[in-house]
């Protein structure tokens, strides 16, 4: 599965910068209009970058929260974020933004590039970890690949290293408890 970057920005200069960074990292870039923010869908291997000025941003916080529940990271940036009240900046972070950047600064290109590269590495590493975990699960006969099953397998691996005490697993008949 490829890591994707979903960019919501109408500025051609920023689009060029993000396109350059994503291609150098081997990620796929998808560009959408910011006015479609409330209708966008993302996967857990997607990083979303949203150009959003602080004025009127509070109307988009529900869209940020929805996107964060679907994807890996959401980055909000726009002119003037460094000068807004802390309460508004905090609301963006509480809605699910990983960071809020002011693109009026001279270092925005470096900061966006640094953060995007870091996020792409984390998503790629997590995807590779899930693939390895899926292979281990398949070898022992567990075929479920849902997020819940992967989370359970990660938990089992982490806990099994700590103790060899027996446990009781309860649940519906035919759900594969004996595989665990």
N, C-alpha and C. Protein backbone atom coordinates (compact mmCIF):
# COMPACT_ATOMS: atom_id res chain seq x y z
N UNK A 1 0.84 -1.17 0.00
CA UNK A 1 0.00 0.00 0.00
C UNK A 1 0.89 1.23 0.00
N UNK A 2 0.61 2.17 -0.87
CA UNK A 2 1.41 3.37 -1.01
C UNK A 2 0.92 4.45 -0.07
N UNK A 3 1.84 5.25 0.42
CA UNK A 3 1.49 6.38 1.26
C UNK A 3 1.03 7.51 0.34
N UNK A 4 -0.06 8.17 0.73
CA UNK A 4 -0.60 9.25 -0.09
C UNK A 4 -0.63 10.54 0.70
N UNK A 5 -0.47 11.64 -0.02
CA UNK A 5 -0.61 12.97 0.56
C UNK A 5 -1.78 13.63 -0.14
N UNK A 6 -2.75 14.05 0.64
CA UNK A 6 -3.92 14.75 0.13
C UNK A 6 -3.73 16.23 0.44
N UNK A 7 -3.62 17.04 -0.60
CA UNK A 7 -3.33 18.46 -0.44
C UNK A 7 -4.56 19.28 -0.79
N UNK A 8 -4.98 20.11 0.13
CA UNK A 8 -6.10 21.03 -0.09
C UNK A 8 -5.53 22.44 -0.09
N UNK A 9 -5.12 22.92 -1.25
CA UNK A 9 -4.51 24.24 -1.36
C UNK A 9 -4.63 24.72 -2.80
N UNK A 10 -4.99 25.97 -2.98
CA UNK A 10 -5.12 26.51 -4.33
C UNK A 10 -3.88 27.29 -4.78
N UNK A 11 -2.89 27.45 -3.88
CA UNK A 11 -1.68 28.19 -4.22
C UNK A 11 -0.73 27.32 -5.05
N UNK A 12 -0.45 27.73 -6.31
CA UNK A 12 0.42 26.91 -7.17
C UNK A 12 1.83 26.72 -6.60
N UNK A 13 2.36 27.73 -5.89
CA UNK A 13 3.71 27.62 -5.32
C UNK A 13 3.78 26.53 -4.25
N UNK A 14 2.77 26.51 -3.38
CA UNK A 14 2.73 25.48 -2.34
C UNK A 14 2.51 24.11 -2.97
N UNK A 15 1.65 24.04 -3.97
CA UNK A 15 1.42 22.76 -4.66
C UNK A 15 2.71 22.21 -5.25
N UNK A 16 3.52 23.10 -5.86
CA UNK A 16 4.80 22.69 -6.43
C UNK A 16 5.74 22.14 -5.36
N UNK A 17 5.82 22.86 -4.24
CA UNK A 17 6.68 22.44 -3.14
C UNK A 17 6.27 21.07 -2.62
N UNK A 18 4.98 20.89 -2.34
CA UNK A 18 4.49 19.62 -1.81
C UNK A 18 4.67 18.50 -2.84
N UNK A 19 4.44 18.80 -4.11
CA UNK A 19 4.64 17.80 -5.17
C UNK A 19 6.08 17.33 -5.20
N UNK A 20 7.01 18.27 -5.04
CA UNK A 20 8.43 17.92 -5.05
C UNK A 20 8.80 17.04 -3.86
N UNK A 21 8.32 17.40 -2.68
CA UNK A 21 8.63 16.63 -1.48
C UNK A 21 8.01 15.24 -1.55
N UNK A 22 6.74 15.16 -1.95
CA UNK A 22 6.08 13.85 -1.99
C UNK A 22 6.72 12.93 -3.02
N UNK A 23 7.10 13.47 -4.19
CA UNK A 23 7.72 12.60 -5.20
C UNK A 23 9.09 12.14 -4.75
N UNK A 24 9.85 13.00 -4.05
CA UNK A 24 11.17 12.58 -3.57
C UNK A 24 11.07 11.52 -2.48
N UNK A 25 9.93 11.47 -1.81
CA UNK A 25 9.71 10.47 -0.75
C UNK A 25 8.97 9.24 -1.26
N UNK A 26 8.58 9.23 -2.53
CA UNK A 26 7.89 8.09 -3.09
C UNK A 26 6.41 8.00 -2.73
N UNK A 27 5.82 9.12 -2.36
CA UNK A 27 4.40 9.14 -2.00
C UNK A 27 3.58 9.64 -3.19
N UNK A 28 2.30 9.32 -3.16
CA UNK A 28 1.38 9.79 -4.20
C UNK A 28 0.72 11.08 -3.72
N UNK A 29 0.61 12.06 -4.62
CA UNK A 29 -0.01 13.33 -4.28
C UNK A 29 -1.37 13.43 -4.95
N UNK A 30 -2.38 13.79 -4.15
CA UNK A 30 -3.73 14.04 -4.65
C UNK A 30 -4.09 15.45 -4.23
N UNK A 31 -4.57 16.24 -5.18
CA UNK A 31 -4.90 17.63 -4.89
C UNK A 31 -6.40 17.82 -4.96
N UNK A 32 -6.93 18.46 -3.92
CA UNK A 32 -8.36 18.75 -3.85
C UNK A 32 -8.55 20.22 -3.50
N UNK A 33 -9.72 20.72 -3.78
CA UNK A 33 -10.07 22.09 -3.44
C UNK A 33 -10.43 22.16 -1.96
N UNK A 34 -10.05 23.24 -1.29
CA UNK A 34 -10.35 23.41 0.13
C UNK A 34 -11.85 23.47 0.38
N UNK A 35 -12.62 23.94 -0.61
CA UNK A 35 -14.06 24.02 -0.39
C UNK A 35 -14.73 22.65 -0.38
N UNK A 36 -14.01 21.61 -0.76
CA UNK A 36 -14.53 20.23 -0.68
C UNK A 36 -14.11 19.54 0.61
N UNK A 37 -13.52 20.27 1.53
CA UNK A 37 -12.97 19.72 2.76
C UNK A 37 -13.96 18.86 3.53
N UNK A 38 -15.19 19.27 3.60
CA UNK A 38 -16.20 18.52 4.34
C UNK A 38 -16.60 17.22 3.69
N UNK A 39 -16.22 16.99 2.43
CA UNK A 39 -16.63 15.80 1.70
C UNK A 39 -15.48 14.85 1.38
N UNK A 40 -14.29 15.17 1.83
CA UNK A 40 -13.12 14.36 1.50
C UNK A 40 -13.09 13.07 2.31
N UNK A 41 -12.51 12.05 1.73
CA UNK A 41 -12.29 10.77 2.39
C UNK A 41 -10.79 10.47 2.34
N UNK A 42 -10.30 9.81 3.37
CA UNK A 42 -8.88 9.48 3.43
C UNK A 42 -8.73 8.11 4.06
N UNK A 43 -7.57 7.50 3.85
CA UNK A 43 -7.29 6.21 4.47
C UNK A 43 -6.24 6.39 5.56
N UNK A 44 -5.93 5.31 6.27
CA UNK A 44 -4.96 5.44 7.36
C UNK A 44 -3.53 5.54 6.87
N UNK A 45 -3.31 5.49 5.56
CA UNK A 45 -1.98 5.74 5.01
C UNK A 45 -1.97 7.06 4.24
N UNK A 46 -2.82 7.98 4.66
CA UNK A 46 -2.90 9.28 4.01
C UNK A 46 -2.54 10.38 5.00
N UNK A 47 -1.77 11.33 4.52
CA UNK A 47 -1.45 12.53 5.27
C UNK A 47 -2.20 13.66 4.58
N UNK A 48 -2.93 14.44 5.34
CA UNK A 48 -3.74 15.52 4.76
C UNK A 48 -3.12 16.86 5.14
N UNK A 49 -2.87 17.69 4.13
CA UNK A 49 -2.36 19.04 4.33
C UNK A 49 -3.45 20.01 3.90
N UNK A 50 -3.85 20.90 4.80
CA UNK A 50 -4.97 21.80 4.53
C UNK A 50 -4.52 23.25 4.68
N UNK A 51 -4.65 24.01 3.59
CA UNK A 51 -4.41 25.45 3.65
C UNK A 51 -5.68 26.08 4.19
N UNK A 52 -5.59 26.63 5.39
CA UNK A 52 -6.78 27.15 6.05
C UNK A 52 -6.40 28.40 6.85
N UNK A 53 -6.87 29.56 6.43
CA UNK A 53 -6.58 30.75 7.22
C UNK A 53 -7.34 30.71 8.54
N UNK A 54 -6.79 31.30 9.60
CA UNK A 54 -7.44 31.23 10.90
C UNK A 54 -8.83 31.87 10.94
N UNK A 55 -9.04 32.91 10.11
CA UNK A 55 -10.35 33.54 10.08
C UNK A 55 -11.35 32.55 9.47
N UNK A 56 -12.33 32.18 10.22
CA UNK A 56 -13.34 31.24 9.75
C UNK A 56 -12.93 29.78 9.86
N UNK A 57 -11.77 29.50 10.42
CA UNK A 57 -11.29 28.12 10.53
C UNK A 57 -12.17 27.29 11.46
N UNK A 58 -12.78 27.94 12.44
CA UNK A 58 -13.59 27.19 13.40
C UNK A 58 -14.74 26.46 12.72
N UNK A 59 -15.18 26.93 11.56
CA UNK A 59 -16.25 26.24 10.85
C UNK A 59 -15.76 24.94 10.21
N UNK A 60 -14.45 24.79 10.10
CA UNK A 60 -13.88 23.59 9.46
C UNK A 60 -13.35 22.56 10.46
N UNK A 61 -13.43 22.86 11.75
CA UNK A 61 -12.87 21.94 12.74
C UNK A 61 -13.56 20.58 12.72
N UNK A 62 -14.85 20.53 12.44
CA UNK A 62 -15.54 19.23 12.38
C UNK A 62 -15.00 18.40 11.21
N UNK A 63 -14.67 19.05 10.10
CA UNK A 63 -14.10 18.33 8.95
C UNK A 63 -12.71 17.81 9.28
N UNK A 64 -11.93 18.60 10.03
CA UNK A 64 -10.60 18.16 10.45
C UNK A 64 -10.72 16.94 11.35
N UNK A 65 -11.66 16.97 12.29
CA UNK A 65 -11.85 15.84 13.20
C UNK A 65 -12.26 14.58 12.42
N UNK A 66 -13.13 14.73 11.44
CA UNK A 66 -13.57 13.58 10.64
C UNK A 66 -12.40 13.01 9.83
N UNK A 67 -11.61 13.90 9.23
CA UNK A 67 -10.45 13.44 8.46
C UNK A 67 -9.43 12.75 9.36
N UNK A 68 -9.20 13.29 10.55
CA UNK A 68 -8.22 12.69 11.46
C UNK A 68 -8.65 11.28 11.88
N UNK A 69 -9.95 11.06 11.99
CA UNK A 69 -10.42 9.72 12.36
C UNK A 69 -10.20 8.72 11.23
N UNK A 70 -9.97 9.19 10.02
CA UNK A 70 -9.79 8.32 8.86
C UNK A 70 -8.32 8.17 8.45
N UNK A 71 -7.50 9.17 8.75
CA UNK A 71 -6.16 9.18 8.17
C UNK A 71 -5.07 9.21 9.24
N UNK A 72 -3.84 9.28 8.76
CA UNK A 72 -2.69 9.28 9.65
C UNK A 72 -2.47 10.62 10.32
N UNK A 73 -2.31 11.67 9.55
CA UNK A 73 -2.02 12.99 10.11
C UNK A 73 -2.73 14.07 9.32
N UNK A 74 -3.06 15.15 10.01
CA UNK A 74 -3.65 16.33 9.38
C UNK A 74 -2.79 17.52 9.78
N UNK A 75 -2.30 18.26 8.79
CA UNK A 75 -1.52 19.46 9.02
C UNK A 75 -2.33 20.64 8.51
N UNK A 76 -2.52 21.63 9.37
CA UNK A 76 -3.23 22.85 9.00
C UNK A 76 -2.20 23.97 8.90
N UNK A 77 -2.26 24.73 7.81
CA UNK A 77 -1.36 25.86 7.68
C UNK A 77 -2.07 27.00 6.96
N UNK A 78 -1.59 28.18 7.18
CA UNK A 78 -2.17 29.35 6.54
C UNK A 78 -1.53 30.61 7.09
N UNK A 79 -1.83 31.74 6.46
CA UNK A 79 -1.24 33.00 6.92
C UNK A 79 -1.85 33.47 8.23
N UNK A 80 -0.99 33.84 9.16
CA UNK A 80 -1.47 34.45 10.40
C UNK A 80 -1.72 33.52 11.57
N UNK A 81 -1.43 32.24 11.46
CA UNK A 81 -1.70 31.31 12.57
C UNK A 81 -0.85 31.64 13.80
N UNK A 82 0.33 32.22 13.59
CA UNK A 82 1.17 32.56 14.75
C UNK A 82 0.62 33.73 15.55
N UNK A 83 -0.37 34.45 14.99
CA UNK A 83 -0.88 35.65 15.65
C UNK A 83 -2.32 35.50 16.13
N UNK A 84 -2.87 34.31 16.07
CA UNK A 84 -4.24 34.12 16.55
C UNK A 84 -4.20 33.75 18.03
N UNK A 85 -5.31 33.97 18.73
CA UNK A 85 -5.34 33.57 20.15
C UNK A 85 -5.07 32.07 20.31
N UNK A 86 -4.42 31.77 21.41
CA UNK A 86 -4.07 30.38 21.70
C UNK A 86 -5.30 29.47 21.72
N UNK A 87 -6.44 30.00 22.14
CA UNK A 87 -7.66 29.20 22.21
C UNK A 87 -8.06 28.67 20.82
N UNK A 88 -7.95 29.50 19.79
CA UNK A 88 -8.32 29.07 18.43
C UNK A 88 -7.31 28.07 17.90
N UNK A 89 -6.03 28.35 18.12
CA UNK A 89 -4.97 27.42 17.69
C UNK A 89 -5.14 26.06 18.38
N UNK A 90 -5.46 26.11 19.66
CA UNK A 90 -5.68 24.87 20.43
C UNK A 90 -6.89 24.10 19.91
N UNK A 91 -7.93 24.81 19.50
CA UNK A 91 -9.12 24.14 18.96
C UNK A 91 -8.77 23.35 17.70
N UNK A 92 -7.89 23.91 16.87
CA UNK A 92 -7.46 23.19 15.67
C UNK A 92 -6.72 21.91 16.05
N UNK A 93 -5.87 22.00 17.05
CA UNK A 93 -5.13 20.82 17.52
C UNK A 93 -6.05 19.81 18.17
N UNK A 94 -7.00 20.29 18.97
CA UNK A 94 -7.95 19.38 19.62
C UNK A 94 -8.88 18.72 18.60
N UNK A 95 -9.14 19.40 17.49
CA UNK A 95 -9.98 18.81 16.44
C UNK A 95 -9.26 17.65 15.74
N UNK A 96 -7.92 17.63 15.86
CA UNK A 96 -7.19 16.52 15.26
C UNK A 96 -6.00 16.90 14.42
N UNK A 97 -5.73 18.19 14.26
CA UNK A 97 -4.55 18.60 13.51
C UNK A 97 -3.29 18.19 14.26
N UNK A 98 -2.34 17.61 13.55
CA UNK A 98 -1.07 17.23 14.17
C UNK A 98 -0.24 18.46 14.48
N UNK A 99 -0.36 19.47 13.62
CA UNK A 99 0.33 20.73 13.86
C UNK A 99 -0.38 21.83 13.09
N UNK A 100 -0.14 23.05 13.53
CA UNK A 100 -0.71 24.24 12.89
C UNK A 100 0.46 25.15 12.58
N UNK A 101 0.64 25.46 11.30
CA UNK A 101 1.79 26.25 10.87
C UNK A 101 1.35 27.57 10.25
N UNK A 102 2.16 28.60 10.45
CA UNK A 102 1.93 29.91 9.84
C UNK A 102 2.77 29.97 8.57
N UNK A 103 2.11 30.10 7.41
CA UNK A 103 2.91 30.11 6.18
C UNK A 103 3.36 31.51 5.78
N UNK A 104 3.22 32.49 6.69
CA UNK A 104 3.77 33.82 6.44
C UNK A 104 5.24 33.89 6.83
N UNK A 105 5.74 32.87 7.51
CA UNK A 105 7.13 32.90 7.96
C UNK A 105 8.07 32.53 6.83
N UNK A 106 9.32 32.94 6.97
CA UNK A 106 10.31 32.66 5.93
C UNK A 106 10.74 31.19 5.93
N UNK A 107 10.45 30.47 7.01
CA UNK A 107 10.89 29.08 7.12
C UNK A 107 9.78 28.07 6.81
N UNK A 108 8.66 28.52 6.26
CA UNK A 108 7.53 27.61 6.05
C UNK A 108 7.91 26.45 5.11
N UNK A 109 8.68 26.74 4.06
CA UNK A 109 9.04 25.66 3.13
C UNK A 109 9.87 24.59 3.84
N UNK A 110 10.84 25.03 4.61
CA UNK A 110 11.67 24.07 5.35
C UNK A 110 10.84 23.30 6.38
N UNK A 111 9.97 24.02 7.09
CA UNK A 111 9.16 23.39 8.12
C UNK A 111 8.17 22.38 7.53
N UNK A 112 7.50 22.78 6.44
CA UNK A 112 6.57 21.85 5.77
C UNK A 112 7.31 20.62 5.26
N UNK A 113 8.46 20.85 4.64
CA UNK A 113 9.26 19.75 4.10
C UNK A 113 9.70 18.80 5.22
N UNK A 114 10.21 19.37 6.31
CA UNK A 114 10.68 18.55 7.44
C UNK A 114 9.55 17.72 8.03
N UNK A 115 8.42 18.37 8.28
CA UNK A 115 7.29 17.66 8.89
C UNK A 115 6.72 16.61 7.95
N UNK A 116 6.60 16.96 6.68
CA UNK A 116 6.04 16.00 5.71
C UNK A 116 6.93 14.78 5.57
N UNK A 117 8.23 15.00 5.46
CA UNK A 117 9.15 13.86 5.37
C UNK A 117 9.05 12.96 6.60
N UNK A 118 9.00 13.58 7.77
CA UNK A 118 8.90 12.82 9.02
C UNK A 118 7.60 12.01 9.06
N UNK A 119 6.50 12.64 8.69
CA UNK A 119 5.20 11.95 8.70
C UNK A 119 5.17 10.82 7.68
N UNK A 120 5.75 11.05 6.50
CA UNK A 120 5.79 10.00 5.48
C UNK A 120 6.60 8.80 5.97
N UNK A 121 7.71 9.05 6.66
CA UNK A 121 8.52 7.96 7.21
C UNK A 121 7.74 7.17 8.25
N UNK A 122 7.01 7.87 9.12
CA UNK A 122 6.23 7.19 10.17
C UNK A 122 5.14 6.33 9.54
N UNK A 123 4.42 6.87 8.56
CA UNK A 123 3.34 6.12 7.91
C UNK A 123 3.90 4.91 7.17
N UNK A 124 5.01 5.09 6.45
CA UNK A 124 5.61 3.98 5.72
C UNK A 124 6.09 2.90 6.68
N UNK A 125 6.70 3.32 7.81
CA UNK A 125 7.17 2.35 8.81
C UNK A 125 5.99 1.58 9.42
N UNK A 126 4.91 2.29 9.75
CA UNK A 126 3.74 1.65 10.33
C UNK A 126 3.10 0.68 9.33
N UNK A 127 3.08 1.05 8.05
CA UNK A 127 2.53 0.18 7.02
C UNK A 127 3.36 -1.09 6.88
N UNK A 128 4.67 -0.94 6.91
CA UNK A 128 5.56 -2.10 6.83
C UNK A 128 5.38 -2.99 8.06
N UNK A 129 5.22 -2.39 9.23
CA UNK A 129 4.99 -3.15 10.46
C UNK A 129 3.68 -3.95 10.37
N UNK A 130 2.66 -3.34 9.83
CA UNK A 130 1.38 -4.04 9.65
C UNK A 130 1.51 -5.20 8.68
N UNK A 131 2.28 -5.00 7.63
CA UNK A 131 2.50 -6.09 6.67
C UNK A 131 3.19 -7.28 7.34
N UNK A 132 4.24 -6.98 8.11
CA UNK A 132 4.95 -8.05 8.82
C UNK A 132 4.04 -8.74 9.82
N UNK A 133 3.23 -7.96 10.52
CA UNK A 133 2.29 -8.51 11.49
C UNK A 133 1.27 -9.40 10.79
N UNK A 134 0.79 -8.96 9.63
CA UNK A 134 -0.15 -9.76 8.85
C UNK A 134 0.46 -11.09 8.42
N UNK A 135 1.74 -11.08 8.06
CA UNK A 135 2.44 -12.31 7.68
C UNK A 135 2.53 -13.28 8.86
N UNK A 136 2.86 -12.74 10.04
CA UNK A 136 2.94 -13.56 11.25
C UNK A 136 1.57 -14.15 11.57
N UNK A 137 0.53 -13.33 11.48
CA UNK A 137 -0.83 -13.81 11.76
C UNK A 137 -1.23 -14.91 10.78
N UNK A 138 -0.89 -14.75 9.52
CA UNK A 138 -1.25 -15.75 8.51
C UNK A 138 -0.53 -17.08 8.78
N UNK A 139 0.73 -17.00 9.24
CA UNK A 139 1.48 -18.23 9.53
C UNK A 139 0.87 -19.04 10.65
N UNK A 140 0.24 -18.36 11.62
CA UNK A 140 -0.37 -19.10 12.73
C UNK A 140 -1.85 -19.38 12.48
N UNK A 141 -2.35 -18.99 11.30
CA UNK A 141 -3.72 -19.33 10.93
C UNK A 141 -4.76 -18.26 11.16
N UNK A 142 -4.35 -17.07 11.53
CA UNK A 142 -5.31 -15.97 11.72
C UNK A 142 -5.38 -15.20 10.41
N UNK A 143 -6.56 -15.18 9.81
CA UNK A 143 -6.69 -14.56 8.50
C UNK A 143 -7.31 -13.17 8.53
N UNK A 144 -7.82 -12.74 9.66
CA UNK A 144 -8.44 -11.41 9.76
C UNK A 144 -7.41 -10.31 9.60
N UNK A 145 -7.75 -9.32 8.81
CA UNK A 145 -6.82 -8.20 8.60
C UNK A 145 -7.44 -6.86 8.94
N UNK A 146 -8.53 -6.89 9.68
CA UNK A 146 -9.17 -5.63 10.05
C UNK A 146 -8.28 -4.88 11.04
N UNK A 147 -8.57 -3.61 11.22
CA UNK A 147 -7.82 -2.79 12.15
C UNK A 147 -7.90 -3.38 13.56
N UNK A 148 -9.06 -3.91 13.94
CA UNK A 148 -9.24 -4.49 15.27
C UNK A 148 -8.35 -5.72 15.44
N UNK A 149 -8.31 -6.59 14.42
CA UNK A 149 -7.47 -7.79 14.51
C UNK A 149 -5.98 -7.43 14.57
N UNK A 150 -5.57 -6.44 13.78
CA UNK A 150 -4.17 -6.02 13.83
C UNK A 150 -3.81 -5.42 15.18
N UNK A 151 -4.73 -4.65 15.74
CA UNK A 151 -4.51 -4.07 17.08
C UNK A 151 -4.41 -5.18 18.12
N UNK A 152 -5.28 -6.19 18.02
CA UNK A 152 -5.23 -7.32 18.95
C UNK A 152 -3.90 -8.05 18.84
N UNK A 153 -3.46 -8.31 17.60
CA UNK A 153 -2.19 -9.01 17.41
C UNK A 153 -1.02 -8.20 17.96
N UNK A 154 -1.03 -6.88 17.75
CA UNK A 154 0.03 -6.03 18.31
C UNK A 154 0.03 -6.11 19.83
N UNK A 155 -1.15 -6.06 20.42
CA UNK A 155 -1.27 -6.14 21.87
C UNK A 155 -0.74 -7.49 22.37
N UNK A 156 -1.13 -8.58 21.69
CA UNK A 156 -0.69 -9.91 22.10
C UNK A 156 0.83 -10.04 22.05
N UNK A 157 1.43 -9.53 21.01
CA UNK A 157 2.88 -9.61 20.89
C UNK A 157 3.55 -8.80 22.01
N UNK A 158 3.03 -7.62 22.29
CA UNK A 158 3.60 -6.77 23.33
C UNK A 158 3.45 -7.42 24.71
N UNK A 159 2.26 -7.96 25.01
CA UNK A 159 1.99 -8.54 26.32
C UNK A 159 2.68 -9.90 26.49
N UNK A 160 2.74 -10.69 25.44
CA UNK A 160 3.32 -12.03 25.56
C UNK A 160 4.80 -11.97 25.94
N UNK A 161 5.46 -10.90 25.61
CA UNK A 161 6.87 -10.77 25.99
C UNK A 161 7.02 -10.51 27.49
N UNK A 162 5.95 -10.07 28.13
CA UNK A 162 6.01 -9.74 29.55
C UNK A 162 5.69 -10.91 30.46
N UNK A 163 4.86 -11.85 29.99
CA UNK A 163 4.40 -12.91 30.89
C UNK A 163 3.97 -14.13 30.10
N UNK A 164 4.04 -15.29 30.77
CA UNK A 164 3.54 -16.52 30.15
C UNK A 164 2.36 -17.07 30.95
N UNK A 165 1.68 -16.21 31.69
CA UNK A 165 0.51 -16.62 32.47
C UNK A 165 -0.65 -16.97 31.55
N UNK A 166 -1.45 -17.99 31.93
CA UNK A 166 -2.61 -18.33 31.11
C UNK A 166 -3.69 -17.24 31.22
N UNK A 167 -4.48 -17.11 30.15
CA UNK A 167 -5.57 -16.12 30.13
C UNK A 167 -6.85 -16.80 29.66
N UNK A 168 -7.98 -16.21 30.00
CA UNK A 168 -9.27 -16.69 29.54
C UNK A 168 -9.77 -15.73 28.47
N UNK A 169 -10.04 -16.29 27.29
CA UNK A 169 -10.59 -15.49 26.20
C UNK A 169 -12.02 -15.94 26.00
N UNK A 170 -12.96 -15.02 26.13
CA UNK A 170 -14.37 -15.37 25.96
C UNK A 170 -14.91 -14.67 24.72
N UNK A 171 -16.00 -15.23 24.17
CA UNK A 171 -16.62 -14.60 22.99
C UNK A 171 -17.54 -15.58 22.29
N UNK A 172 -18.09 -15.14 21.20
CA UNK A 172 -19.03 -15.94 20.42
C UNK A 172 -18.35 -17.21 19.87
N UNK A 173 -19.15 -18.24 19.68
CA UNK A 173 -18.67 -19.48 19.09
C UNK A 173 -18.25 -19.23 17.64
N UNK A 174 -17.12 -19.81 17.25
CA UNK A 174 -16.67 -19.71 15.86
C UNK A 174 -15.92 -18.47 15.52
N UNK A 175 -15.48 -17.72 16.50
CA UNK A 175 -14.76 -16.49 16.20
C UNK A 175 -13.24 -16.65 16.19
N UNK A 176 -12.74 -17.86 16.46
CA UNK A 176 -11.31 -18.13 16.38
C UNK A 176 -10.55 -17.89 17.65
N UNK A 177 -11.23 -17.98 18.79
CA UNK A 177 -10.54 -17.75 20.06
C UNK A 177 -9.38 -18.74 20.25
N UNK A 178 -9.54 -19.95 19.77
CA UNK A 178 -8.51 -20.96 19.96
C UNK A 178 -7.24 -20.62 19.18
N UNK A 179 -7.33 -19.77 18.17
CA UNK A 179 -6.16 -19.37 17.40
C UNK A 179 -5.25 -18.47 18.22
N UNK A 180 -5.85 -17.73 19.15
CA UNK A 180 -5.08 -16.81 19.98
C UNK A 180 -4.42 -17.59 21.09
